[in-house]
Amino acid sequence: YGTRAGWPRIRSLLSAHKIPATLNANGRALLASPWLAAEAVADGHEVSSHGWRWERHAGMSEDEERRAIALSVAAIAQTAGT
């Protein structure tokens, strides 16, 4: 639902009211829908990291957390261009 109906509705409202926003997305979702990040950046919004996927970082080892962060950063750079 989110990418098919939710994002277009939110995008339209943000545009109509000229509101810049920060999209808080997980890296795995961005790789599945890269066009969403591209549209957001083209509209003047920014994309921030909500991690690699829906997971808790509490209890992760440092290596696991570093890997999740690196994957997230790479996904944002690849889909949003920055």
C-alpha atoms as a PDB file:
ATOM      1  CA  TYR A   1       0.000   0.000   0.000  1.00  0.00           C
ATOM      2  CA  GLY A   2       2.667   2.507   1.021  1.00  0.00           C
ATOM      3  CA  THR A   3       4.527   2.754  -2.268  1.00  0.00           C
ATOM      4  CA  ARG A   4       1.442   2.375  -4.460  1.00  0.00           C
ATOM      5  CA  ALA A   5      -0.956   4.754  -2.705  1.00  0.00           C
ATOM      6  CA  GLY A   6       0.603   6.229   0.428  1.00  0.00           C
ATOM      7  CA  TRP A   7       3.679   7.838  -1.091  1.00  0.00           C
ATOM      8  CA  PRO A   8       1.822   9.463  -4.021  1.00  0.00           C
ATOM      9  CA  ARG A   9      -0.702  10.978  -1.596  1.00  0.00           C
ATOM     10  CA  ILE A  10       1.972  12.248   0.773  1.00  0.00           C
ATOM     11  CA  ARG A  11       4.069  13.522  -2.131  1.00  0.00           C
ATOM     12  CA  SER A  12       1.095  15.436  -3.521  1.00  0.00           C
ATOM     13  CA  LEU A  13       0.332  17.041  -0.158  1.00  0.00           C
ATOM     14  CA  LEU A  14       3.929  18.041   0.443  1.00  0.00           C
ATOM     15  CA  SER A  15       4.090  19.564  -3.011  1.00  0.00           C
ATOM     16  CA  ALA A  16       0.758  21.385  -2.706  1.00  0.00           C
ATOM     17  CA  HIS A  17       1.837  22.986   0.574  1.00  0.00           C
ATOM     18  CA  LYS A  18       5.477  23.478  -0.485  1.00  0.00           C
ATOM     19  CA  ILE A  19       6.739  21.579   2.559  1.00  0.00           C
ATOM     20  CA  PRO A  20      10.212  20.049   2.482  1.00  0.00           C
ATOM     21  CA  ALA A  21      10.375  16.784   4.400  1.00  0.00           C
ATOM     22  CA  THR A  22      12.735  14.140   5.642  1.00  0.00           C
ATOM     23  CA  LEU A  23      11.790  10.618   4.608  1.00  0.00           C
ATOM     24  CA  ASN A  24      12.839   8.160   7.276  1.00  0.00           C
ATOM     25  CA  ALA A  25      13.305   4.903   5.362  1.00  0.00           C
ATOM     26  CA  ASN A  26      15.066   1.625   5.835  1.00  0.00           C
ATOM     27  CA  GLY A  27      17.732   0.680   3.319  1.00  0.00           C
ATOM     28  CA  ARG A  28      16.155  -2.568   2.207  1.00  0.00           C
ATOM     29  CA  ALA A  29      12.886  -0.804   1.360  1.00  0.00           C
ATOM     30  CA  LEU A  30      14.725   1.842  -0.653  1.00  0.00           C
ATOM     31  CA  LEU A  31      16.446  -0.814  -2.726  1.00  0.00           C
ATOM     32  CA  ALA A  32      13.055  -2.407  -3.397  1.00  0.00           C
ATOM     33  CA  SER A  33      11.554   0.947  -4.488  1.00  0.00           C
ATOM     34  CA  PRO A  34      14.453   3.124  -5.648  1.00  0.00           C
ATOM     35  CA  TRP A  35      12.158   5.389  -7.655  1.00  0.00           C
ATOM     36  CA  LEU A  36      10.632   6.616  -4.389  1.00  0.00           C
ATOM     37  CA  ALA A  37      13.955   7.976  -3.129  1.00  0.00           C
ATOM     38  CA  ALA A  38      14.694   9.514  -6.533  1.00  0.00           C
ATOM     39  CA  GLU A  39      11.303  11.273  -6.577  1.00  0.00           C
ATOM     40  CA  ALA A  40      11.776  12.532  -3.030  1.00  0.00           C
ATOM     41  CA  VAL A  41      15.179  14.035  -3.795  1.00  0.00           C
ATOM     42  CA  ALA A  42      13.918  15.512  -7.081  1.00  0.00           C
ATOM     43  CA  ASP A  43      11.163  17.229  -5.070  1.00  0.00           C
ATOM     44  CA  GLY A  44      13.694  18.721  -2.640  1.00  0.00           C
ATOM     45  CA  HIS A  45      13.249  16.298   0.249  1.00  0.00           C
ATOM     46  CA  GLU A  46      15.976  14.398   2.048  1.00  0.00           C
ATOM     47  CA  VAL A  47      16.199  10.708   2.852  1.00  0.00           C
ATOM     48  CA  SER A  48      17.395   9.560   6.251  1.00  0.00           C
ATOM     49  CA  SER A  49      18.181   6.140   7.591  1.00  0.00           C
ATOM     50  CA  HIS A  50      15.815   4.024   9.626  1.00  0.00           C
ATOM     51  CA  GLY A  51      18.331   1.205   9.571  1.00  0.00           C
ATOM     52  CA  TRP A  52      18.773  -1.629   7.143  1.00  0.00           C
ATOM     53  CA  ARG A  53      15.401  -3.232   7.895  1.00  0.00           C
ATOM     54  CA  TRP A  54      12.881  -3.263  10.720  1.00  0.00           C
ATOM     55  CA  GLU A  55      15.170  -4.567  13.442  1.00  0.00           C
ATOM     56  CA  ARG A  56      16.280  -3.608  16.904  1.00  0.00           C
ATOM     57  CA  HIS A  57      19.872  -2.574  17.298  1.00  0.00           C
ATOM     58  CA  ALA A  58      19.789  -3.229  21.031  1.00  0.00           C
ATOM     59  CA  GLY A  59      21.505  -6.544  21.578  1.00  0.00           C
ATOM     60  CA  MET A  60      23.347  -6.534  18.246  1.00  0.00           C
ATOM     61  CA  SER A  61      27.052  -7.034  18.349  1.00  0.00           C
ATOM     62  CA  GLU A  62      29.135  -4.061  17.268  1.00  0.00           C
ATOM     63  CA  ASP A  63      30.046  -5.844  14.027  1.00  0.00           C
ATOM     64  CA  GLU A  64      26.380  -6.581  13.238  1.00  0.00           C
ATOM     65  CA  GLU A  65      25.396  -2.990  13.896  1.00  0.00           C
ATOM     66  CA  ARG A  66      28.240  -1.617  11.786  1.00  0.00           C
ATOM     67  CA  ARG A  67      27.174  -3.905   8.927  1.00  0.00           C
ATOM     68  CA  ALA A  68      23.535  -2.753   9.190  1.00  0.00           C
ATOM     69  CA  ILE A  69      24.593   0.905   9.208  1.00  0.00           C
ATOM     70  CA  ALA A  70      26.925   0.423   6.236  1.00  0.00           C
ATOM     71  CA  LEU A  71      24.187  -1.323   4.238  1.00  0.00           C
ATOM     72  CA  SER A  72      21.768   1.498   5.052  1.00  0.00           C
ATOM     73  CA  VAL A  73      24.189   4.229   4.048  1.00  0.00           C
ATOM     74  CA  ALA A  74      25.005   2.432   0.787  1.00  0.00           C
ATOM     75  CA  ALA A  75      21.308   1.988  -0.040  1.00  0.00           C
ATOM     76  CA  ILE A  76      20.568   5.677   0.532  1.00  0.00           C
ATOM     77  CA  ALA A  77      23.588   6.751  -1.524  1.00  0.00           C
ATOM     78  CA  GLN A  78      22.579   4.395  -4.339  1.00  0.00           C
ATOM     79  CA  THR A  79      18.898   5.389  -4.457  1.00  0.00           C
ATOM     80  CA  ALA A  80      18.952   9.024  -3.350  1.00  0.00           C
ATOM     81  CA  GLY A  81      22.336   9.928  -4.792  1.00  0.00           C
ATOM     82  CA  THR A  82      23.643  11.378  -1.564  1.00  0.00           C
END
